[in-house]
Amino acid sequence: LCDLDPQGSATFYFRVKPHVQAGAKVITRGGKHLTQSIKETDYEGLDLLPSDVSYRHFSLALDKIKGGKKRLQESLAPLQALYTYIVLDCPPTLSLLTESILTAADNLLIPVVPTTLSMRAYAQLLAFVYDQHYGDRPITAFFSMVERSKTQHRTVMQETLGHDHRFLKSFIPYTADIEKMGLRREPVGAFAPHSPGALAYAALWQELQSGWLPNPSLQHPMETESL
């Protein structure tokens, strides 16, 4: 898991010190600088490249490098021989870092809160992917922080699942157990394995594995903006 968000939420949850020597340069340099910064977590089979506050300047660092959009892909390439999956946890922005991530990624997985603004942001991201010619990447989305008691959440989900086949049927509910991950600093499946939140994450992962990842033909993203 590569925590590329300068806020470092994933790094915090996994109880790893949020500091990488030389910051963003570790990734832009690659090689031993990168591998030596990877940390073990408390969970077998899961390693973490921690976040660093300097990642807020990631796009500036890439902009100074010739062929900067491909640098992340080049730096991560050697890790493919070591790991089954390399997950890039990304900040919710559109920037040169976003383009670098799109260049490196084989699949895109997008969490979306079922609200008007989140759906608008999702549509903007699809438009960016389409306009920048990254549309050959399989795109999968899922709803997160779902509150079924809210009419807007139910309405957005019903309308979206009816026409956008990028969305998984599984969704992550807004529950107290999931909120406690921040307090306990561990995955909900570790401290409440039978809770609705943990079961929802398990169902999401099973659906992802069943087709990893669904690859519907990319329609023009403007079609999603009706929400």
C-alpha atoms as a PDB file:
ATOM      1  CA  LEU A   1       0.000   0.000   0.000  1.00  0.00           C
ATOM      2  CA  CYS A   2       1.506   3.319  -1.105  1.00  0.00           C
ATOM      3  CA  ASP A   3       0.025   6.190   0.886  1.00  0.00           C
ATOM      4  CA  LEU A   4       0.429   9.111  -1.519  1.00  0.00           C
ATOM      5  CA  ASP A   5      -1.917  11.419   0.385  1.00  0.00           C
ATOM      6  CA  PRO A   6       0.094  14.016   2.373  1.00  0.00           C
ATOM      7  CA  GLN A   7      -2.542  13.855   5.122  1.00  0.00           C
ATOM      8  CA  GLY A   8      -1.437  10.264   5.713  1.00  0.00           C
ATOM      9  CA  SER A   9      -4.697   8.716   6.924  1.00  0.00           C
ATOM     10  CA  ALA A  10      -3.728   5.185   5.875  1.00  0.00           C
ATOM     11  CA  THR A  11      -0.312   5.596   7.493  1.00  0.00           C
ATOM     12  CA  PHE A  12      -1.998   6.733  10.723  1.00  0.00           C
ATOM     13  CA  TYR A  13      -4.447   3.824  10.715  1.00  0.00           C
ATOM     14  CA  PHE A  14      -1.627   1.303  10.329  1.00  0.00           C
ATOM     15  CA  ARG A  15       0.395   2.838  13.184  1.00  0.00           C
ATOM     16  CA  VAL A  16       3.380   3.575  10.991  1.00  0.00           C
ATOM     17  CA  LYS A  17       5.514   6.653  11.590  1.00  0.00           C
ATOM     18  CA  PRO A  18       4.408   9.206   8.941  1.00  0.00           C
ATOM     19  CA  HIS A  19       7.867  10.103   7.756  1.00  0.00           C
ATOM     20  CA  VAL A  20       9.859   9.117   4.705  1.00  0.00           C
ATOM     21  CA  GLN A  21      13.504  10.138   4.529  1.00  0.00           C
ATOM     22  CA  ALA A  22      13.923  12.647   1.672  1.00  0.00           C
ATOM     23  CA  GLY A  23      10.139  12.775   1.258  1.00  0.00           C
ATOM     24  CA  ALA A  24       8.736  12.745  -2.264  1.00  0.00           C
ATOM     25  CA  LYS A  25      12.240  12.350  -3.689  1.00  0.00           C
ATOM     26  CA  VAL A  26      12.167   8.749  -2.470  1.00  0.00           C
ATOM     27  CA  ILE A  27       9.543   7.913  -5.069  1.00  0.00           C
ATOM     28  CA  THR A  28      10.892  10.080  -7.854  1.00  0.00           C
ATOM     29  CA  ARG A  29      14.351   8.539  -7.407  1.00  0.00           C
ATOM     30  CA  GLY A  30      13.069   4.982  -7.046  1.00  0.00           C
ATOM     31  CA  GLY A  31      15.455   2.062  -6.613  1.00  0.00           C
ATOM     32  CA  LYS A  32      16.865   1.381  -3.158  1.00  0.00           C
ATOM     33  CA  HIS A  33      15.644   4.779  -1.947  1.00  0.00           C
ATOM     34  CA  LEU A  34      12.101   3.506  -2.434  1.00  0.00           C
ATOM     35  CA  THR A  35      12.488  -0.072  -1.211  1.00  0.00           C
ATOM     36  CA  GLN A  36      14.298   1.019   1.958  1.00  0.00           C
ATOM     37  CA  SER A  37      11.381   3.295   2.841  1.00  0.00           C
ATOM     38  CA  ILE A  38       8.798   0.500   2.710  1.00  0.00           C
ATOM     39  CA  LYS A  39       7.668  -0.585   6.179  1.00  0.00           C
ATOM     40  CA  GLU A  40       6.081  -3.769   7.480  1.00  0.00           C
ATOM     41  CA  THR A  41       2.659  -3.439   9.084  1.00  0.00           C
ATOM     42  CA  ASP A  42       1.149  -5.512  11.882  1.00  0.00           C
ATOM     43  CA  TYR A  43      -0.603  -7.605   9.229  1.00  0.00           C
ATOM     44  CA  GLU A  44       1.131 -10.469   7.458  1.00  0.00           C
ATOM     45  CA  GLY A  45       1.504  -9.916   3.734  1.00  0.00           C
ATOM     46  CA  LEU A  46       0.832  -6.173   3.899  1.00  0.00           C
ATOM     47  CA  ASP A  47       3.628  -3.623   3.623  1.00  0.00           C
ATOM     48  CA  LEU A  48       3.248   0.144   3.558  1.00  0.00           C
ATOM     49  CA  LEU A  49       5.079   2.992   1.888  1.00  0.00           C
ATOM     50  CA  PRO A  50       4.253   5.700   4.447  1.00  0.00           C
ATOM     51  CA  SER A  51       2.933   9.135   3.658  1.00  0.00           C
ATOM     52  CA  ASP A  52       5.004  12.237   4.212  1.00  0.00           C
ATOM     53  CA  VAL A  53       3.935  15.856   4.515  1.00  0.00           C
ATOM     54  CA  SER A  54       6.311  16.701   1.652  1.00  0.00           C
ATOM     55  CA  TYR A  55       3.982  14.811  -0.687  1.00  0.00           C
ATOM     56  CA  ARG A  56       1.975  18.024  -0.910  1.00  0.00           C
ATOM     57  CA  HIS A  57       4.739  19.158  -3.302  1.00  0.00           C
ATOM     58  CA  PHE A  58       4.632  15.932  -5.310  1.00  0.00           C
ATOM     59  CA  SER A  59       3.284  17.549  -8.465  1.00  0.00           C
ATOM     60  CA  LEU A  60       5.966  20.251  -8.343  1.00  0.00           C
ATOM     61  CA  ALA A  61       8.668  17.592  -7.995  1.00  0.00           C
ATOM     62  CA  LEU A  62       7.298  15.675 -10.975  1.00  0.00           C
ATOM     63  CA  ASP A  63       7.043  18.839 -13.045  1.00  0.00           C
ATOM     64  CA  LYS A  64      10.793  19.404 -12.680  1.00  0.00           C
ATOM     65  CA  ILE A  65      11.612  15.958 -14.060  1.00  0.00           C
ATOM     66  CA  LYS A  66      11.749  15.195 -17.762  1.00  0.00           C
ATOM     67  CA  GLY A  67       8.979  12.712 -18.472  1.00  0.00           C
ATOM     68  CA  GLY A  68       7.655  13.265 -14.971  1.00  0.00           C
ATOM     69  CA  LYS A  69       4.283  11.650 -15.661  1.00  0.00           C
ATOM     70  CA  LYS A  70       6.018   8.301 -16.171  1.00  0.00           C
ATOM     71  CA  ARG A  71       8.364   8.526 -13.184  1.00  0.00           C
ATOM     72  CA  LEU A  72       5.968   6.946 -10.682  1.00  0.00           C
ATOM     73  CA  GLN A  73       5.362   4.046 -13.057  1.00  0.00           C
ATOM     74  CA  GLU A  74       9.104   3.579 -13.540  1.00  0.00           C
ATOM     75  CA  SER A  75       9.814   3.728  -9.807  1.00  0.00           C
ATOM     76  CA  LEU A  76       7.132   1.176  -8.928  1.00  0.00           C
ATOM     77  CA  ALA A  77       7.940  -1.270 -11.742  1.00  0.00           C
ATOM     78  CA  PRO A  78      10.547  -3.295  -9.756  1.00  0.00           C
ATOM     79  CA  LEU A  79       8.018  -3.848  -6.957  1.00  0.00           C
ATOM     80  CA  GLN A  80       5.777  -5.896  -9.246  1.00  0.00           C
ATOM     81  CA  ALA A  81       8.087  -8.871  -8.743  1.00  0.00           C
ATOM     82  CA  LEU A  82       7.662  -8.606  -4.960  1.00  0.00           C
ATOM     83  CA  TYR A  83       3.938  -7.980  -4.493  1.00  0.00           C
ATOM     84  CA  THR A  84       0.688  -9.437  -5.799  1.00  0.00           C
ATOM     85  CA  TYR A  85      -1.029  -6.053  -5.586  1.00  0.00           C
ATOM     86  CA  ILE A  86       0.346  -2.531  -5.384  1.00  0.00           C
ATOM     87  CA  VAL A  87      -2.369  -0.180  -4.151  1.00  0.00           C
ATOM     88  CA  LEU A  88      -1.923   3.569  -4.573  1.00  0.00           C
ATOM     89  CA  ASP A  89      -3.944   5.519  -2.003  1.00  0.00           C
ATOM     90  CA  CYS A  90      -4.410   8.877  -3.712  1.00  0.00           C
ATOM     91  CA  PRO A  91      -5.419  12.378  -2.614  1.00  0.00           C
ATOM     92  CA  PRO A  92      -8.760  13.534  -4.091  1.00  0.00           C
ATOM     93  CA  THR A  93      -7.305  16.119  -6.471  1.00  0.00           C
ATOM     94  CA  LEU A  94      -6.674  16.581 -10.183  1.00  0.00           C
ATOM     95  CA  SER A  95      -2.999  17.373 -10.683  1.00  0.00           C
ATOM     96  CA  LEU A  96       0.204  16.169 -12.292  1.00  0.00           C
ATOM     97  CA  LEU A  97       0.334  13.548  -9.535  1.00  0.00           C
ATOM     98  CA  THR A  98      -3.100  12.375 -10.687  1.00  0.00           C
ATOM     99  CA  GLU A  99      -1.795  11.974 -14.232  1.00  0.00           C
ATOM    100  CA  SER A 100       1.250  10.135 -12.915  1.00  0.00           C
ATOM    101  CA  ILE A 101      -1.002   7.754 -10.991  1.00  0.00           C
ATOM    102  CA  LEU A 102      -3.223   7.203 -14.025  1.00  0.00           C
ATOM    103  CA  THR A 103      -0.131   6.416 -16.087  1.00  0.00           C
ATOM    104  CA  ALA A 104       1.087   3.878 -13.524  1.00  0.00           C
ATOM    105  CA  ALA A 105      -2.215   2.211 -12.651  1.00  0.00           C
ATOM    106  CA  ASP A 106      -3.614  -0.916 -14.276  1.00  0.00           C
ATOM    107  CA  ASN A 107      -7.040  -0.396 -12.685  1.00  0.00           C
ATOM    108  CA  LEU A 108      -8.858   2.513 -11.070  1.00  0.00           C
ATOM    109  CA  LEU A 109     -11.042   2.047  -7.989  1.00  0.00           C
ATOM    110  CA  ILE A 110     -13.068   5.106  -7.002  1.00  0.00           C
ATOM    111  CA  PRO A 111     -14.979   5.484  -3.700  1.00  0.00           C
ATOM    112  CA  VAL A 112     -17.979   7.789  -3.996  1.00  0.00           C
ATOM    113  CA  VAL A 113     -20.280   9.168  -1.305  1.00  0.00           C
ATOM    114  CA  PRO A 114     -23.874   9.102  -2.649  1.00  0.00           C
ATOM    115  CA  THR A 115     -24.361  12.875  -2.678  1.00  0.00           C
ATOM    116  CA  THR A 116     -24.718  15.404  -5.465  1.00  0.00           C
ATOM    117  CA  LEU A 117     -21.289  16.971  -4.922  1.00  0.00           C
ATOM    118  CA  SER A 118     -19.499  13.622  -4.758  1.00  0.00           C
ATOM    119  CA  MET A 119     -21.209  12.453  -7.938  1.00  0.00           C
ATOM    120  CA  ARG A 120     -20.163  15.711  -9.592  1.00  0.00           C
ATOM    121  CA  ALA A 121     -16.553  15.098  -8.535  1.00  0.00           C
ATOM    122  CA  TYR A 122     -16.811  11.548  -9.891  1.00  0.00           C
ATOM    123  CA  ALA A 123     -18.068  12.893 -13.227  1.00  0.00           C
ATOM    124  CA  GLN A 124     -15.217  15.415 -13.340  1.00  0.00           C
ATOM    125  CA  LEU A 125     -12.685  12.649 -12.740  1.00  0.00           C
ATOM    126  CA  LEU A 126     -14.197  10.556 -15.535  1.00  0.00           C
ATOM    127  CA  ALA A 127     -14.069  13.574 -17.832  1.00  0.00           C
ATOM    128  CA  PHE A 128     -10.401  14.047 -16.967  1.00  0.00           C
ATOM    129  CA  VAL A 129      -9.648  10.378 -17.631  1.00  0.00           C
ATOM    130  CA  TYR A 130     -11.502  10.535 -20.936  1.00  0.00           C
ATOM    131  CA  ASP A 131     -10.004  13.834 -22.115  1.00  0.00           C
ATOM    132  CA  GLN A 132      -6.434  12.864 -21.169  1.00  0.00           C
ATOM    133  CA  HIS A 133      -6.746   9.526 -23.000  1.00  0.00           C
ATOM    134  CA  TYR A 134      -6.516   7.225 -19.988  1.00  0.00           C
ATOM    135  CA  GLY A 135      -9.794   5.540 -20.898  1.00  0.00           C
ATOM    136  CA  ASP A 136      -8.195   2.163 -21.551  1.00  0.00           C
ATOM    137  CA  ARG A 137      -7.822   1.626 -17.784  1.00  0.00           C
ATOM    138  CA  PRO A 138     -10.641  -0.450 -16.295  1.00  0.00           C
ATOM    139  CA  ILE A 139     -12.642   1.854 -14.031  1.00  0.00           C
ATOM    140  CA  THR A 140     -14.617   0.598 -11.042  1.00  0.00           C
ATOM    141  CA  ALA A 141     -16.498   2.679  -8.480  1.00  0.00           C
ATOM    142  CA  PHE A 142     -18.315   1.891  -5.257  1.00  0.00           C
ATOM    143  CA  PHE A 143     -20.443   3.828  -2.815  1.00  0.00           C
ATOM    144  CA  SER A 144     -18.946   4.603   0.593  1.00  0.00           C
ATOM    145  CA  MET A 145     -20.160   6.268   3.800  1.00  0.00           C
ATOM    146  CA  VAL A 146     -23.681   5.224   2.848  1.00  0.00           C
ATOM    147  CA  GLU A 147     -26.543   6.167   5.167  1.00  0.00           C
ATOM    148  CA  ARG A 148     -29.601   4.303   3.923  1.00  0.00           C
ATOM    149  CA  SER A 149     -31.793   6.388   6.225  1.00  0.00           C
ATOM    150  CA  LYS A 150     -31.120   9.439   4.029  1.00  0.00           C
ATOM    151  CA  THR A 151     -33.437   9.867   1.070  1.00  0.00           C
ATOM    152  CA  GLN A 152     -30.735  11.489  -1.053  1.00  0.00           C
ATOM    153  CA  HIS A 153     -28.359   8.573  -0.529  1.00  0.00           C
ATOM    154  CA  ARG A 154     -31.025   6.044  -1.524  1.00  0.00           C
ATOM    155  CA  THR A 155     -32.069   8.075  -4.547  1.00  0.00           C
ATOM    156  CA  VAL A 156     -28.543   8.657  -5.854  1.00  0.00           C
ATOM    157  CA  MET A 157     -27.655   4.988  -5.431  1.00  0.00           C
ATOM    158  CA  GLN A 158     -30.804   3.759  -7.140  1.00  0.00           C
ATOM    159  CA  GLU A 159     -30.426   6.093 -10.122  1.00  0.00           C
ATOM    160  CA  THR A 160     -26.695   5.464 -10.494  1.00  0.00           C
ATOM    161  CA  LEU A 161     -26.764   1.683 -10.188  1.00  0.00           C
ATOM    162  CA  GLY A 162     -29.494   1.658 -12.812  1.00  0.00           C
ATOM    163  CA  HIS A 163     -27.310   3.137 -15.569  1.00  0.00           C
ATOM    164  CA  ASP A 164     -23.619   3.222 -14.580  1.00  0.00           C
ATOM    165  CA  HIS A 165     -22.194  -0.293 -14.740  1.00  0.00           C
ATOM    166  CA  ARG A 166     -18.859   0.861 -13.361  1.00  0.00           C
ATOM    167  CA  PHE A 167     -20.381   0.762  -9.872  1.00  0.00           C
ATOM    168  CA  LEU A 168     -20.159  -2.369  -7.765  1.00  0.00           C
ATOM    169  CA  LYS A 169     -23.294  -3.608  -6.070  1.00  0.00           C
ATOM    170  CA  SER A 170     -21.431  -3.842  -2.763  1.00  0.00           C
ATOM    171  CA  PHE A 171     -21.165  -0.634  -0.756  1.00  0.00           C
ATOM    172  CA  ILE A 172     -19.608   0.535   2.503  1.00  0.00           C
ATOM    173  CA  PRO A 173     -22.099   1.811   5.095  1.00  0.00           C
ATOM    174  CA  TYR A 174     -21.487   4.640   7.527  1.00  0.00           C
ATOM    175  CA  THR A 175     -21.252   2.764  10.825  1.00  0.00           C
ATOM    176  CA  ALA A 176     -19.898   3.352  14.302  1.00  0.00           C
ATOM    177  CA  ASP A 177     -17.507   0.410  13.947  1.00  0.00           C
ATOM    178  CA  ILE A 178     -15.895   1.896  10.853  1.00  0.00           C
ATOM    179  CA  GLU A 179     -15.585   5.246  12.622  1.00  0.00           C
ATOM    180  CA  LYS A 180     -13.749   3.482  15.452  1.00  0.00           C
ATOM    181  CA  MET A 181     -10.923   2.550  13.091  1.00  0.00           C
ATOM    182  CA  GLY A 182      -9.521   6.017  13.674  1.00  0.00           C
ATOM    183  CA  LEU A 183      -9.606   5.573  17.444  1.00  0.00           C
ATOM    184  CA  ARG A 184      -8.246   2.033  17.475  1.00  0.00           C
ATOM    185  CA  ARG A 185      -5.882   2.574  14.543  1.00  0.00           C
ATOM    186  CA  GLU A 186      -6.582  -0.816  13.037  1.00  0.00           C
ATOM    187  CA  PRO A 187      -8.895  -2.227  10.346  1.00  0.00           C
ATOM    188  CA  VAL A 188     -12.473  -2.900  11.367  1.00  0.00           C
ATOM    189  CA  GLY A 189     -11.994  -6.530  10.353  1.00  0.00           C
ATOM    190  CA  ALA A 190      -9.320  -6.881  13.040  1.00  0.00           C
ATOM    191  CA  PHE A 191     -11.346  -5.699  16.039  1.00  0.00           C
ATOM    192  CA  ALA A 192     -14.940  -6.327  14.903  1.00  0.00           C
ATOM    193  CA  PRO A 193     -14.779  -9.056  12.221  1.00  0.00           C
ATOM    194  CA  HIS A 194     -18.506  -9.815  12.324  1.00  0.00           C
ATOM    195  CA  SER A 195     -19.722  -6.218  12.335  1.00  0.00           C
ATOM    196  CA  PRO A 196     -21.738  -4.806   9.413  1.00  0.00           C
ATOM    197  CA  GLY A 197     -18.766  -2.665   8.393  1.00  0.00           C
ATOM    198  CA  ALA A 198     -16.310  -5.565   8.298  1.00  0.00           C
ATOM    199  CA  LEU A 199     -18.768  -7.749   6.392  1.00  0.00           C
ATOM    200  CA  ALA A 200     -19.344  -4.928   3.903  1.00  0.00           C
ATOM    201  CA  TYR A 201     -15.612  -4.625   3.210  1.00  0.00           C
ATOM    202  CA  ALA A 202     -15.373  -8.415   2.809  1.00  0.00           C
ATOM    203  CA  ALA A 203     -18.254  -8.397   0.318  1.00  0.00           C
ATOM    204  CA  LEU A 204     -16.650  -5.534  -1.597  1.00  0.00           C
ATOM    205  CA  TRP A 205     -13.347  -7.399  -1.838  1.00  0.00           C
ATOM    206  CA  GLN A 206     -15.068 -10.592  -2.985  1.00  0.00           C
ATOM    207  CA  GLU A 207     -16.915  -8.690  -5.707  1.00  0.00           C
ATOM    208  CA  LEU A 208     -13.659  -7.072  -6.813  1.00  0.00           C
ATOM    209  CA  GLN A 209     -11.874 -10.416  -6.943  1.00  0.00           C
ATOM    210  CA  SER A 210     -14.658 -12.005  -8.958  1.00  0.00           C
ATOM    211  CA  GLY A 211     -13.828  -9.807 -11.909  1.00  0.00           C
ATOM    212  CA  TRP A 212     -10.745  -7.793 -10.947  1.00  0.00           C
ATOM    213  CA  LEU A 213     -11.804  -5.483 -12.244  1.00  0.00           C
ATOM    214  CA  PRO A 214     -15.053  -5.054 -14.205  1.00  0.00           C
ATOM    215  CA  ASN A 215     -14.232  -3.384 -17.517  1.00  0.00           C
ATOM    216  CA  PRO A 216     -17.333  -1.789 -19.039  1.00  0.00           C
ATOM    217  CA  SER A 217     -16.744   0.187 -22.189  1.00  0.00           C
ATOM    218  CA  LEU A 218     -16.007   3.798 -21.286  1.00  0.00           C
ATOM    219  CA  GLN A 219     -19.004   5.912 -22.214  1.00  0.00           C
ATOM    220  CA  HIS A 220     -18.530   9.630 -22.562  1.00  0.00           C
ATOM    221  CA  PRO A 221     -18.268  10.875 -18.957  1.00  0.00           C
ATOM    222  CA  MET A 222     -20.677  13.742 -19.529  1.00  0.00           C
ATOM    223  CA  GLU A 223     -23.444  11.133 -19.381  1.00  0.00           C
ATOM    224  CA  THR A 224     -22.909  10.776 -15.630  1.00  0.00           C
ATOM    225  CA  GLU A 225     -23.388  14.460 -14.882  1.00  0.00           C
ATOM    226  CA  SER A 226     -27.170  14.202 -14.706  1.00  0.00           C
ATOM    227  CA  LEU A 227     -26.741  13.475 -10.991  1.00  0.00           C
END
